Each structure stands twice: as C-alpha cells, then as structure tokens.
C-alpha cells in the first residue's frame, strides 16, 4: 500500500480550483416587447386573459401535460398578459374548470350509444 503525503502547497487555491467553471446558459425569458406584441394573441385580438378564465379550452393551451403553466418563452405573450393569464389559470383551477395536476383532454371520443369510450 502506497501512502501519499500532502504538502502545504497542495492546499493552495490554484491547486484546489483545477476544475473549469461551467458556463450557465441564461434563462429564456421570452421575446422582447416588439416581438411579444406581434406574437401575443391576446394583444392582437384586444382580449383580456382574465375575462377568459371560464374558457377551459383556451386555458388548456397554455398549460403543460402536468398541469403547470407554460413559461413566457413558450407562450410568446407580453409580460402583462402572461401575468394576467397566470391569474386566470389559477382562478379556473380554484373554480374547478381545469384540473390542478393534469391537462384537460380536449378530444373526447363518443361511440354510437352516446357514452364516452376509449
């Protein structure tokens, strides 16, 4: 068994920091104001997202499969409409219009007896 002896200079800052620092990618915060106003459907149609809190099919477009709200980088909304959409989604979840932990299935399949089927 070979023992390795350490010297005091082995504990210098240069010797300890041999690993390279990782480059952290900046967070995707979404488009700038001009692009967001051009891409934002609520801004184009002059709609208020809070007024659409009862529209479950519209709100489910902005919710992931796990029930979380999509980020501004994914929705391409303006800052104001993203905040108001979040408030509308939270209201709809509390009222029971959309589920808390999953996305609302939009394609129901009916068989000829009138019952829902798989």
PDB file of N, CA and C in Angstrom:
ATOM      1  N   UNK A   1       0.835  -1.163   0.000  1.00  0.00           N
ATOM      2  CA  UNK A   1       0.000   0.000   0.000  1.00  0.00           C
ATOM      3  C   UNK A   1       0.886   1.233   0.000  1.00  0.00           C
ATOM      4  N   UNK A   2       0.615   2.111  -0.943  1.00  0.00           N
ATOM      5  CA  UNK A   2       1.438   3.302  -1.095  1.00  0.00           C
ATOM      6  C   UNK A   2       0.725   4.491  -0.469  1.00  0.00           C
ATOM      7  N   UNK A   3       1.356   5.134   0.446  1.00  0.00           N
ATOM      8  CA  UNK A   3       0.785   6.318   1.079  1.00  0.00           C
ATOM      9  C   UNK A   3       1.242   7.558   0.349  1.00  0.00           C
ATOM     10  N   UNK A   4       0.369   8.496   0.197  1.00  0.00           N
ATOM     11  CA  UNK A   4       0.707   9.741  -0.473  1.00  0.00           C
ATOM     12  C   UNK A   4       0.728  10.843   0.573  1.00  0.00           C
ATOM     13  N   UNK A   5       1.800  11.585   0.588  1.00  0.00           N
ATOM     14  CA  UNK A   5       1.939  12.678   1.540  1.00  0.00           C
ATOM     15  C   UNK A   5       1.567  13.981   0.853  1.00  0.00           C
ATOM     16  N   UNK A   6       0.859  14.796   1.562  1.00  0.00           N
ATOM     17  CA  UNK A   6       0.447  16.090   1.040  1.00  0.00           C
ATOM     18  C   UNK A   6       1.334  17.175   1.612  1.00  0.00           C
ATOM     19  N   UNK A   7       1.660  18.121   0.782  1.00  0.00           N
ATOM     20  CA  UNK A   7       2.461  19.257   1.204  1.00  0.00           C
ATOM     21  C   UNK A   7       1.545  20.460   1.385  1.00  0.00           C
ATOM     22  N   UNK A   8       1.951  21.457   2.147  1.00  0.00           N
ATOM     23  CA  UNK A   8       1.095  22.636   2.343  1.00  0.00           C
ATOM     24  C   UNK A   8       0.727  23.344   1.047  1.00  0.00           C
ATOM     25  N   UNK A   9       1.596  23.309   0.041  1.00  0.00           N
ATOM     26  CA  UNK A   9       1.284  23.995  -1.215  1.00  0.00           C
ATOM     27  C   UNK A   9       0.201  23.274  -2.011  1.00  0.00           C
ATOM     28  N   UNK A  10      -0.094  22.012  -1.633  1.00  0.00           N
ATOM     29  CA  UNK A  10      -1.178  21.298  -2.313  1.00  0.00           C
ATOM     30  C   UNK A  10      -2.555  21.875  -1.961  1.00  0.00           C
ATOM     31  N   UNK A  11      -2.628  22.634  -0.871  1.00  0.00           N
ATOM     32  CA  UNK A  11      -3.891  23.218  -0.450  1.00  0.00           C
ATOM     33  C   UNK A  11      -4.060  24.657  -0.910  1.00  0.00           C
ATOM     34  N   UNK A  12      -3.191  25.128  -1.796  1.00  0.00           N
ATOM     35  CA  UNK A  12      -3.328  26.479  -2.332  1.00  0.00           C
ATOM     36  C   UNK A  12      -4.578  26.573  -3.185  1.00  0.00           C
ATOM     37  N   UNK A  13      -5.047  27.770  -3.362  1.00  0.00           N
ATOM     38  CA  UNK A  13      -6.261  27.996  -4.129  1.00  0.00           C
ATOM     39  C   UNK A  13      -6.104  27.541  -5.575  1.00  0.00           C
ATOM     40  N   UNK A  14      -4.916  27.721  -6.140  1.00  0.00           N
ATOM     41  CA  UNK A  14      -4.699  27.310  -7.527  1.00  0.00           C
ATOM     42  C   UNK A  14      -4.794  25.798  -7.678  1.00  0.00           C
ATOM     43  N   UNK A  15      -4.298  25.067  -6.714  1.00  0.00           N
ATOM     44  CA  UNK A  15      -4.330  23.614  -6.798  1.00  0.00           C
ATOM     45  C   UNK A  15      -5.737  23.067  -6.577  1.00  0.00           C
ATOM     46  N   UNK A  16      -6.500  23.729  -5.734  1.00  0.00           N
ATOM     47  CA  UNK A  16      -7.852  23.257  -5.445  1.00  0.00           C
ATOM     48  C   UNK A  16      -8.785  23.548  -6.608  1.00  0.00           C
ATOM     49  N   UNK A  17      -8.617  24.684  -7.264  1.00  0.00           N
ATOM     50  CA  UNK A  17      -9.515  25.079  -8.351  1.00  0.00           C
ATOM     51  C   UNK A  17      -8.985  24.612  -9.696  1.00  0.00           C
ATOM     52  N   UNK A  18      -8.815  23.325  -9.852  1.00  0.00           N
ATOM     53  CA  UNK A  18      -8.358  22.794 -11.136  1.00  0.00           C
ATOM     54  C   UNK A  18      -9.526  22.557 -12.086  1.00  0.00           C
ATOM     55  N   UNK A  19     -10.730  22.477 -11.535  1.00  0.00           N
ATOM     56  CA  UNK A  19     -11.884  22.261 -12.394  1.00  0.00           C
ATOM     57  C   UNK A  19     -12.259  23.562 -13.101  1.00  0.00           C
ATOM     58  N   UNK A  20     -12.691  23.423 -14.349  1.00  0.00           N
ATOM     59  CA  UNK A  20     -13.147  24.588 -15.102  1.00  0.00           C
ATOM     60  C   UNK A  20     -14.553  24.966 -14.638  1.00  0.00           C
ATOM     61  N   UNK A  21     -14.820  26.232 -14.650  1.00  0.00           N
ATOM     62  CA  UNK A  21     -16.157  26.694 -14.302  1.00  0.00           C
ATOM     63  C   UNK A  21     -17.099  26.393 -15.450  1.00  0.00           C
ATOM     64  N   UNK A  22     -18.261  25.929 -15.099  1.00  0.00           N
ATOM     65  CA  UNK A  22     -19.250  25.612 -16.113  1.00  0.00           C
ATOM     66  C   UNK A  22     -19.940  26.887 -16.571  1.00  0.00           C
ATOM     67  N   UNK A  23     -20.208  26.940 -17.849  1.00  0.00           N
ATOM     68  CA  UNK A  23     -20.932  28.072 -18.410  1.00  0.00           C
ATOM     69  C   UNK A  23     -22.418  27.830 -18.218  1.00  0.00           C
ATOM     70  N   UNK A  24     -23.082  28.723 -17.533  1.00  0.00           N
ATOM     71  CA  UNK A  24     -24.512  28.601 -17.311  1.00  0.00           C
ATOM     72  C   UNK A  24     -25.256  29.380 -18.380  1.00  0.00           C
ATOM     73  N   UNK A  25     -26.165  28.691 -19.022  1.00  0.00           N
ATOM     74  CA  UNK A  25     -26.965  29.314 -20.055  1.00  0.00           C
ATOM     75  C   UNK A  25     -27.952  30.279 -19.404  1.00  0.00           C
ATOM     76  N   UNK A  26     -28.139  31.458 -19.960  1.00  0.00           N
ATOM     77  CA  UNK A  26     -29.102  32.384 -19.367  1.00  0.00           C
ATOM     78  C   UNK A  26     -30.527  31.838 -19.518  1.00  0.00           C
ATOM     79  N   UNK A  27     -31.379  32.228 -18.602  1.00  0.00           N
ATOM     80  CA  UNK A  27     -32.754  31.780 -18.652  1.00  0.00           C
ATOM     81  C   UNK A  27     -33.452  32.353 -19.876  1.00  0.00           C
ATOM     82  N   UNK A  28     -34.309  31.554 -20.463  1.00  0.00           N
ATOM     83  CA  UNK A  28     -35.102  32.018 -21.590  1.00  0.00           C
ATOM     84  C   UNK A  28     -36.292  32.789 -21.035  1.00  0.00           C
ATOM     85  N   UNK A  29     -36.264  34.091 -21.168  1.00  0.00           N
ATOM     86  CA  UNK A  29     -37.317  34.913 -20.596  1.00  0.00           C
ATOM     87  C   UNK A  29     -38.390  35.277 -21.603  1.00  0.00           C
ATOM     88  N   UNK A  30     -38.199  34.939 -22.842  1.00  0.00           N
ATOM     89  CA  UNK A  30     -39.211  35.225 -23.836  1.00  0.00           C
ATOM     90  C   UNK A  30     -38.794  36.333 -24.771  1.00  0.00           C
ATOM     91  N   UNK A  31     -39.659  36.663 -25.705  1.00  0.00           N
ATOM     92  CA  UNK A  31     -39.328  37.675 -26.707  1.00  0.00           C
ATOM     93  C   UNK A  31     -39.312  39.082 -26.119  1.00  0.00           C
ATOM     94  N   UNK A  32     -38.680  39.988 -26.851  1.00  0.00           N
ATOM     95  CA  UNK A  32     -38.686  41.382 -26.409  1.00  0.00           C
ATOM     96  C   UNK A  32     -40.073  41.977 -26.677  1.00  0.00           C
ATOM     97  N   UNK A  33     -40.232  43.223 -26.298  1.00  0.00           N
ATOM     98  CA  UNK A  33     -41.568  43.820 -26.312  1.00  0.00           C
ATOM     99  C   UNK A  33     -42.187  43.868 -27.711  1.00  0.00           C
ATOM    100  N   UNK A  34     -41.414  44.272 -28.704  1.00  0.00           N
ATOM    101  CA  UNK A  34     -41.972  44.401 -30.052  1.00  0.00           C
ATOM    102  C   UNK A  34     -42.403  43.041 -30.598  1.00  0.00           C
ATOM    103  N   UNK A  35     -41.558  42.014 -30.402  1.00  0.00           N
ATOM    104  CA  UNK A  35     -41.923  40.678 -30.871  1.00  0.00           C
ATOM    105  C   UNK A  35     -43.103  40.117 -30.086  1.00  0.00           C
ATOM    106  N   UNK A  36     -43.123  40.380 -28.784  1.00  0.00           N
ATOM    107  CA  UNK A  36     -44.210  39.861 -27.954  1.00  0.00           C
ATOM    108  C   UNK A  36     -45.543  40.486 -28.360  1.00  0.00           C
ATOM    109  N   UNK A  37     -45.551  41.767 -28.648  1.00  0.00           N
ATOM    110  CA  UNK A  37     -46.796  42.409 -29.081  1.00  0.00           C
ATOM    111  C   UNK A  37     -47.249  41.893 -30.437  1.00  0.00           C
ATOM    112  N   UNK A  38     -46.293  41.517 -31.275  1.00  0.00           N
ATOM    113  CA  UNK A  38     -46.633  40.979 -32.590  1.00  0.00           C
ATOM    114  C   UNK A  38     -47.143  39.538 -32.487  1.00  0.00           C
ATOM    115  N   UNK A  39     -46.593  38.757 -31.523  1.00  0.00           N
ATOM    116  CA  UNK A  39     -46.937  37.346 -31.420  1.00  0.00           C
ATOM    117  C   UNK A  39     -48.058  37.060 -30.413  1.00  0.00           C
ATOM    118  N   UNK A  40     -48.360  37.990 -29.545  1.00  0.00           N
ATOM    119  CA  UNK A  40     -49.336  37.780 -28.478  1.00  0.00           C
ATOM    120  C   UNK A  40     -50.749  37.789 -29.049  1.00  0.00           C
ATOM    121  N   UNK A  41     -51.460  36.666 -28.878  1.00  0.00           N
ATOM    122  CA  UNK A  41     -52.808  36.579 -29.443  1.00  0.00           C
ATOM    123  C   UNK A  41     -53.787  37.460 -28.681  1.00  0.00           C
ATOM    124  N   UNK A  42     -53.579  37.610 -27.384  1.00  0.00           N
ATOM    125  CA  UNK A  42     -54.472  38.466 -26.604  1.00  0.00           C
ATOM    126  C   UNK A  42     -54.295  39.936 -26.998  1.00  0.00           C
ATOM    127  N   UNK A  43     -53.059  40.328 -27.283  1.00  0.00           N
ATOM    128  CA  UNK A  43     -52.790  41.708 -27.693  1.00  0.00           C
ATOM    129  C   UNK A  43     -53.337  41.969 -29.092  1.00  0.00           C
ATOM    130  N   UNK A  44     -53.214  41.002 -29.977  1.00  0.00           N
ATOM    131  CA  UNK A  44     -53.709  41.173 -31.342  1.00  0.00           C
ATOM    132  C   UNK A  44     -55.231  41.294 -31.387  1.00  0.00           C
ATOM    133  N   UNK A  45     -55.901  40.466 -30.601  1.00  0.00           N
ATOM    134  CA  UNK A  45     -57.367  40.461 -30.612  1.00  0.00           C
ATOM    135  C   UNK A  45     -57.968  41.416 -29.588  1.00  0.00           C
ATOM    136  N   UNK A  46     -57.098  42.137 -28.854  1.00  0.00           N
ATOM    137  CA  UNK A  46     -57.511  43.069 -27.808  1.00  0.00           C
ATOM    138  C   UNK A  46     -58.440  42.391 -26.803  1.00  0.00           C
ATOM    139  N   UNK A  47     -58.006  41.203 -26.331  1.00  0.00           N
ATOM    140  CA  UNK A  47     -58.751  40.434 -25.341  1.00  0.00           C
ATOM    141  C   UNK A  47     -58.038  40.526 -24.004  1.00  0.00           C
ATOM    142  N   UNK A  48     -58.802  40.406 -22.945  1.00  0.00           N
ATOM    143  CA  UNK A  48     -58.235  40.358 -21.605  1.00  0.00           C
ATOM    144  C   UNK A  48     -58.175  38.895 -21.174  1.00  0.00           C
ATOM    145  N   UNK A  49     -56.999  38.363 -20.815  1.00  0.00           N
ATOM    146  CA  UNK A  49     -56.927  36.965 -20.393  1.00  0.00           C
ATOM    147  C   UNK A  49     -57.764  36.672 -19.148  1.00  0.00           C
ATOM    148  N   UNK A  50     -57.948  37.668 -18.276  1.00  0.00           N
ATOM    149  CA  UNK A  50     -58.763  37.447 -17.080  1.00  0.00           C
ATOM    150  C   UNK A  50     -60.227  37.231 -17.428  1.00  0.00           C
ATOM    151  N   UNK A  51     -60.676  37.834 -18.504  1.00  0.00           N
ATOM    152  CA  UNK A  51     -62.062  37.652 -18.917  1.00  0.00           C
ATOM    153  C   UNK A  51     -62.295  36.260 -19.483  1.00  0.00           C
ATOM    154  N   UNK A  52     -61.220  35.558 -19.825  1.00  0.00           N
ATOM    155  CA  UNK A  52     -61.327  34.215 -20.414  1.00  0.00           C
ATOM    156  C   UNK A  52     -61.090  33.119 -19.384  1.00  0.00           C
ATOM    157  N   UNK A  53     -61.273  33.404 -18.104  1.00  0.00           N
ATOM    158  CA  UNK A  53     -60.996  32.387 -17.082  1.00  0.00           C
ATOM    159  C   UNK A  53     -62.007  31.250 -17.115  1.00  0.00           C
ATOM    160  N   UNK A  54     -63.147  31.430 -17.760  1.00  0.00           N
ATOM    161  CA  UNK A  54     -64.145  30.363 -17.869  1.00  0.00           C
ATOM    162  C   UNK A  54     -63.963  29.526 -19.134  1.00  0.00           C
ATOM    163  N   UNK A  55     -63.051  29.920 -20.016  1.00  0.00           N
ATOM    164  CA  UNK A  55     -62.832  29.226 -21.281  1.00  0.00           C
ATOM    165  C   UNK A  55     -61.746  28.165 -21.078  1.00  0.00           C
ATOM    166  N   UNK A  56     -62.159  26.956 -20.765  1.00  0.00           N
ATOM    167  CA  UNK A  56     -61.188  25.914 -20.426  1.00  0.00           C
ATOM    168  C   UNK A  56     -60.387  25.444 -21.636  1.00  0.00           C
ATOM    169  N   UNK A  57     -60.971  25.459 -22.814  1.00  0.00           N
ATOM    170  CA  UNK A  57     -60.231  25.008 -23.991  1.00  0.00           C
ATOM    171  C   UNK A  57     -59.111  25.988 -24.340  1.00  0.00           C
ATOM    172  N   UNK A  58     -59.336  27.277 -24.131  1.00  0.00           N
ATOM    173  CA  UNK A  58     -58.284  28.257 -24.383  1.00  0.00           C
ATOM    174  C   UNK A  58     -57.189  28.161 -23.327  1.00  0.00           C
ATOM    175  N   UNK A  59     -57.570  28.039 -22.066  1.00  0.00           N
ATOM    176  CA  UNK A  59     -56.582  27.991 -20.992  1.00  0.00           C
ATOM    177  C   UNK A  59     -55.759  26.713 -21.027  1.00  0.00           C
ATOM    178  N   UNK A  60     -56.334  25.609 -21.487  1.00  0.00           N
ATOM    179  CA  UNK A  60     -55.582  24.358 -21.519  1.00  0.00           C
ATOM    180  C   UNK A  60     -54.464  24.398 -22.562  1.00  0.00           C
ATOM    181  N   UNK A  61     -54.553  25.326 -23.514  1.00  0.00           N
ATOM    182  CA  UNK A  61     -53.467  25.501 -24.486  1.00  0.00           C
ATOM    183  C   UNK A  61     -52.208  26.034 -23.798  1.00  0.00           C
ATOM    184  N   UNK A  62     -52.371  26.781 -22.725  1.00  0.00           N
ATOM    185  CA  UNK A  62     -51.246  27.396 -22.026  1.00  0.00           C
ATOM    186  C   UNK A  62     -50.804  26.599 -20.797  1.00  0.00           C
ATOM    187  N   UNK A  63     -51.299  25.369 -20.655  1.00  0.00           N
ATOM    188  CA  UNK A  63     -50.950  24.514 -19.521  1.00  0.00           C
ATOM    189  C   UNK A  63     -50.223  23.283 -20.050  1.00  0.00           C
ATOM    190  N   UNK A  64     -49.183  22.826 -19.325  1.00  0.00           N
ATOM    191  CA  UNK A  64     -48.446  21.637 -19.739  1.00  0.00           C
ATOM    192  C   UNK A  64     -49.246  20.385 -19.405  1.00  0.00           C
ATOM    193  N   UNK A  65     -48.723  19.226 -19.795  1.00  0.00           N
ATOM    194  CA  UNK A  65     -49.402  17.964 -19.511  1.00  0.00           C
ATOM    195  C   UNK A  65     -49.474  17.673 -18.021  1.00  0.00           C
ATOM    196  N   UNK A  66     -48.544  18.228 -17.257  1.00  0.00           N
ATOM    197  CA  UNK A  66     -48.531  18.022 -15.807  1.00  0.00           C
ATOM    198  C   UNK A  66     -49.351  19.075 -15.061  1.00  0.00           C
ATOM    199  N   UNK A  67     -49.990  19.989 -15.768  1.00  0.00           N
ATOM    200  CA  UNK A  67     -50.849  20.973 -15.134  1.00  0.00           C
ATOM    201  C   UNK A  67     -50.157  22.275 -14.782  1.00  0.00           C
ATOM    202  N   UNK A  68     -48.904  22.444 -15.154  1.00  0.00           N
ATOM    203  CA  UNK A  68     -48.195  23.686 -14.845  1.00  0.00           C
ATOM    204  C   UNK A  68     -48.358  24.670 -15.991  1.00  0.00           C
ATOM    205  N   UNK A  69     -48.312  25.945 -15.664  1.00  0.00           N
ATOM    206  CA  UNK A  69     -48.444  26.976 -16.687  1.00  0.00           C
ATOM    207  C   UNK A  69     -47.164  27.051 -17.505  1.00  0.00           C
ATOM    208  N   UNK A  70     -47.300  27.230 -18.815  1.00  0.00           N
ATOM    209  CA  UNK A  70     -46.129  27.344 -19.677  1.00  0.00           C
ATOM    210  C   UNK A  70     -45.420  28.668 -19.427  1.00  0.00           C
ATOM    211  N   UNK A  71     -44.125  28.700 -19.712  1.00  0.00           N
ATOM    212  CA  UNK A  71     -43.337  29.903 -19.486  1.00  0.00           C
ATOM    213  C   UNK A  71     -43.620  30.931 -20.570  1.00  0.00           C
ATOM    214  N   UNK A  72     -43.165  32.136 -20.332  1.00  0.00           N
ATOM    215  CA  UNK A  72     -43.358  33.214 -21.290  1.00  0.00           C
ATOM    216  C   UNK A  72     -42.583  32.947 -22.578  1.00  0.00           C
ATOM    217  N   UNK A  73     -41.463  32.231 -22.471  1.00  0.00           N
ATOM    218  CA  UNK A  73     -40.695  31.877 -23.665  1.00  0.00           C
ATOM    219  C   UNK A  73     -41.471  30.901 -24.548  1.00  0.00           C
ATOM    220  N   UNK A  74     -42.338  30.099 -23.950  1.00  0.00           N
ATOM    221  CA  UNK A  74     -43.139  29.150 -24.724  1.00  0.00           C
ATOM    222  C   UNK A  74     -44.427  29.765 -25.239  1.00  0.00           C
ATOM    223  N   UNK A  75     -45.017  30.681 -24.487  1.00  0.00           N
ATOM    224  CA  UNK A  75     -46.302  31.250 -24.889  1.00  0.00           C
ATOM    225  C   UNK A  75     -46.159  32.470 -25.788  1.00  0.00           C
ATOM    226  N   UNK A  76     -45.006  33.147 -25.738  1.00  0.00           N
ATOM    227  CA  UNK A  76     -44.745  34.362 -26.530  1.00  0.00           C
ATOM    228  C   UNK A  76     -45.741  35.477 -26.218  1.00  0.00           C
ATOM    229  N   UNK A  77     -46.129  35.591 -24.965  1.00  0.00           N
ATOM    230  CA  UNK A  77     -47.039  36.654 -24.545  1.00  0.00           C
ATOM    231  C   UNK A  77     -46.248  37.834 -23.998  1.00  0.00           C
ATOM    232  N   UNK A  78     -46.901  38.967 -23.889  1.00  0.00           N
ATOM    233  CA  UNK A  78     -46.273  40.116 -23.238  1.00  0.00           C
ATOM    234  C   UNK A  78     -46.236  39.861 -21.732  1.00  0.00           C
ATOM    235  N   UNK A  79     -45.421  40.661 -21.027  1.00  0.00           N
ATOM    236  CA  UNK A  79     -45.301  40.489 -19.581  1.00  0.00           C
ATOM    237  C   UNK A  79     -46.658  40.621 -18.907  1.00  0.00           C
ATOM    238  N   UNK A  80     -47.408  41.624 -19.293  1.00  0.00           N
ATOM    239  CA  UNK A  80     -48.699  41.893 -18.652  1.00  0.00           C
ATOM    240  C   UNK A  80     -49.689  40.765 -18.900  1.00  0.00           C
ATOM    241  N   UNK A  81     -49.785  40.319 -20.157  1.00  0.00           N
ATOM    242  CA  UNK A  81     -50.737  39.260 -20.469  1.00  0.00           C
ATOM    243  C   UNK A  81     -50.314  37.924 -19.870  1.00  0.00           C
ATOM    244  N   UNK A  82     -49.002  37.682 -19.713  1.00  0.00           N
ATOM    245  CA  UNK A  82     -48.550  36.453 -19.075  1.00  0.00           C
ATOM    246  C   UNK A  82     -48.972  36.429 -17.602  1.00  0.00           C
ATOM    247  N   UNK A  83     -48.846  37.565 -16.925  1.00  0.00           N
ATOM    248  CA  UNK A  83     -49.271  37.631 -15.520  1.00  0.00           C
ATOM    249  C   UNK A  83     -50.787  37.481 -15.394  1.00  0.00           C
ATOM    250  N   UNK A  84     -51.518  38.133 -16.292  1.00  0.00           N
ATOM    251  CA  UNK A  84     -52.971  38.048 -16.240  1.00  0.00           C
ATOM    252  C   UNK A  84     -53.454  36.645 -16.628  1.00  0.00           C
ATOM    253  N   UNK A  85     -52.757  35.994 -17.548  1.00  0.00           N
ATOM    254  CA  UNK A  85     -53.102  34.623 -17.904  1.00  0.00           C
ATOM    255  C   UNK A  85     -52.857  33.683 -16.725  1.00  0.00           C
ATOM    256  N   UNK A  86     -51.767  33.907 -15.998  1.00  0.00           N
ATOM    257  CA  UNK A  86     -51.497  33.099 -14.810  1.00  0.00           C
ATOM    258  C   UNK A  86     -52.589  33.254 -13.771  1.00  0.00           C
ATOM    259  N   UNK A  87     -53.060  34.460 -13.604  1.00  0.00           N
ATOM    260  CA  UNK A  87     -54.148  34.706 -12.654  1.00  0.00           C
ATOM    261  C   UNK A  87     -55.427  34.013 -13.122  1.00  0.00           C
ATOM    262  N   UNK A  88     -55.686  34.050 -14.431  1.00  0.00           N
ATOM    263  CA  UNK A  88     -56.882  33.391 -14.972  1.00  0.00           C
ATOM    264  C   UNK A  88     -56.790  31.878 -14.815  1.00  0.00           C
ATOM    265  N   UNK A  89     -55.605  31.309 -15.013  1.00  0.00           N
ATOM    266  CA  UNK A  89     -55.433  29.865 -14.850  1.00  0.00           C
ATOM    267  C   UNK A  89     -55.616  29.480 -13.387  1.00  0.00           C
ATOM    268  N   UNK A  90     -55.070  30.272 -12.472  1.00  0.00           N
ATOM    269  CA  UNK A  90     -55.243  29.976 -11.045  1.00  0.00           C
ATOM    270  C   UNK A  90     -56.718  30.071 -10.643  1.00  0.00           C
ATOM    271  N   UNK A  91     -57.423  31.058 -11.173  1.00  0.00           N
ATOM    272  CA  UNK A  91     -58.855  31.184 -10.877  1.00  0.00           C
ATOM    273  C   UNK A  91     -59.630  29.981 -11.411  1.00  0.00           C
ATOM    274  N   UNK A  92     -59.308  29.581 -12.638  1.00  0.00           N
ATOM    275  CA  UNK A  92     -60.015  28.457 -13.245  1.00  0.00           C
ATOM    276  C   UNK A  92     -59.742  27.163 -12.487  1.00  0.00           C
ATOM    277  N   UNK A  93     -58.527  27.001 -11.989  1.00  0.00           N
ATOM    278  CA  UNK A  93     -58.220  25.801 -11.203  1.00  0.00           C
ATOM    279  C   UNK A  93     -58.976  25.801  -9.884  1.00  0.00           C
ATOM    280  N   UNK A  94     -59.070  26.960  -9.253  1.00  0.00           N
ATOM    281  CA  UNK A  94     -59.784  27.036  -7.974  1.00  0.00           C
ATOM    282  C   UNK A  94     -61.287  26.858  -8.156  1.00  0.00           C
ATOM    283  N   UNK A  95     -61.815  27.274  -9.313  1.00  0.00           N
ATOM    284  CA  UNK A  95     -63.242  27.080  -9.578  1.00  0.00           C
ATOM    285  C   UNK A  95     -63.548  25.675 -10.079  1.00  0.00           C
ATOM    286  N   UNK A  96     -62.500  24.904 -10.404  1.00  0.00           N
ATOM    287  CA  UNK A  96     -62.706  23.538 -10.875  1.00  0.00           C
ATOM    288  C   UNK A  96     -62.959  23.433 -12.359  1.00  0.00           C
ATOM    289  N   UNK A  97     -62.658  24.476 -13.102  1.00  0.00           N
ATOM    290  CA  UNK A  97     -62.891  24.453 -14.547  1.00  0.00           C
ATOM    291  C   UNK A  97     -61.818  23.636 -15.254  1.00  0.00           C
ATOM    292  N   UNK A  98     -60.558  23.775 -14.824  1.00  0.00           N
ATOM    293  CA  UNK A  98     -59.463  22.945 -15.345  1.00  0.00           C
ATOM    294  C   UNK A  98     -58.833  22.216 -14.167  1.00  0.00           C
ATOM    295  N   UNK A  99     -58.306  21.006 -14.392  1.00  0.00           N
ATOM    296  CA  UNK A  99     -57.745  20.234 -13.281  1.00  0.00           C
ATOM    297  C   UNK A  99     -56.420  20.819 -12.795  1.00  0.00           C
ATOM    298  N   UNK A 100     -56.087  20.542 -11.539  1.00  0.00           N
ATOM    299  CA  UNK A 100     -54.880  21.081 -10.937  1.00  0.00           C
ATOM    300  C   UNK A 100     -53.617  20.426 -11.483  1.00  0.00           C
ATOM    301  N   UNK A 101     -53.611  19.097 -11.586  1.00  0.00           N
ATOM    302  CA  UNK A 101     -52.366  18.384 -11.844  1.00  0.00           C
ATOM    303  C   UNK A 101     -52.300  17.692 -13.186  1.00  0.00           C
ATOM    304  N   UNK A 102     -53.155  18.015 -14.116  1.00  0.00           N
ATOM    305  CA  UNK A 102     -53.082  17.420 -15.442  1.00  0.00           C
ATOM    306  C   UNK A 102     -53.721  18.362 -16.443  1.00  0.00           C
ATOM    307  N   UNK A 103     -53.491  18.068 -17.701  1.00  0.00           N
ATOM    308  CA  UNK A 103     -54.078  18.885 -18.760  1.00  0.00           C
ATOM    309  C   UNK A 103     -55.447  18.319 -19.105  1.00  0.00           C
ATOM    310  N   UNK A 104     -56.370  19.184 -19.391  1.00  0.00           N
ATOM    311  CA  UNK A 104     -57.726  18.763 -19.732  1.00  0.00           C
ATOM    312  C   UNK A 104     -57.719  18.090 -21.095  1.00  0.00           C
ATOM    313  N   UNK A 105     -58.206  16.848 -21.190  1.00  0.00           N
ATOM    314  CA  UNK A 105     -58.259  16.204 -22.518  1.00  0.00           C
ATOM    315  C   UNK A 105     -59.313  16.888 -23.386  1.00  0.00           C
ATOM    316  N   UNK A 106     -58.916  17.279 -24.580  1.00  0.00           N
ATOM    317  CA  UNK A 106     -59.821  18.029 -25.452  1.00  0.00           C
ATOM    318  C   UNK A 106     -60.532  17.149 -26.469  1.00  0.00           C
ATOM    319  N   UNK A 107     -60.016  15.939 -26.682  1.00  0.00           N
ATOM    320  CA  UNK A 107     -60.625  15.099 -27.706  1.00  0.00           C
ATOM    321  C   UNK A 107     -61.372  13.943 -27.035  1.00  0.00           C
ATOM    322  N   UNK A 108     -62.654  14.107 -26.857  1.00  0.00           N
ATOM    323  CA  UNK A 108     -63.491  13.048 -26.317  1.00  0.00           C
ATOM    324  C   UNK A 108     -63.983  12.211 -27.486  1.00  0.00           C
ATOM    325  N   UNK A 109     -63.968  10.911 -27.301  1.00  0.00           N
ATOM    326  CA  UNK A 109     -64.438  10.003 -28.349  1.00  0.00           C
ATOM    327  C   UNK A 109     -65.758   9.398 -27.888  1.00  0.00           C
ATOM    328  N   UNK A 110     -66.767   9.560 -28.687  1.00  0.00           N
ATOM    329  CA  UNK A 110     -68.082   9.020 -28.365  1.00  0.00           C
ATOM    330  C   UNK A 110     -68.359   7.832 -29.270  1.00  0.00           C
ATOM    331  N   UNK A 111     -68.929   6.786 -28.692  1.00  0.00           N
ATOM    332  CA  UNK A 111     -69.384   5.691 -29.533  1.00  0.00           C
ATOM    333  C   UNK A 111     -70.857   5.930 -29.876  1.00  0.00           C
ATOM    334  N   UNK A 112     -71.452   5.034 -30.621  1.00  0.00           N
ATOM    335  CA  UNK A 112     -72.791   5.276 -31.118  1.00  0.00           C
ATOM    336  C   UNK A 112     -73.863   5.200 -30.035  1.00  0.00           C
ATOM    337  N   UNK A 113     -73.557   4.607 -28.896  1.00  0.00           N
ATOM    338  CA  UNK A 113     -74.569   4.522 -27.830  1.00  0.00           C
ATOM    339  C   UNK A 113     -74.654   5.835 -27.045  1.00  0.00           C
ATOM    340  N   UNK A 114     -73.783   6.801 -27.337  1.00  0.00           N
ATOM    341  CA  UNK A 114     -73.829   8.074 -26.660  1.00  0.00           C
ATOM    342  C   UNK A 114     -72.950   8.141 -25.420  1.00  0.00           C
ATOM    343  N   UNK A 115     -72.277   7.057 -25.096  1.00  0.00           N
ATOM    344  CA  UNK A 115     -71.387   7.037 -23.943  1.00  0.00           C
ATOM    345  C   UNK A 115     -69.963   7.348 -24.388  1.00  0.00           C
ATOM    346  N   UNK A 116     -69.201   7.892 -23.459  1.00  0.00           N
ATOM    347  CA  UNK A 116     -67.800   8.157 -23.790  1.00  0.00           C
ATOM    348  C   UNK A 116     -67.035   6.851 -23.817  1.00  0.00           C
ATOM    349  N   UNK A 117     -66.190   6.690 -24.811  1.00  0.00           N
ATOM    350  CA  UNK A 117     -65.392   5.471 -24.945  1.00  0.00           C
ATOM    351  C   UNK A 117     -63.926   5.794 -25.081  1.00  0.00           C
ATOM    352  N   UNK A 118     -63.126   4.778 -25.081  1.00  0.00           N
ATOM    353  CA  UNK A 118     -61.660   4.954 -25.204  1.00  0.00           C
ATOM    354  C   UNK A 118     -61.213   4.849 -26.634  1.00  0.00           C
TER     355      UNK A 118
END
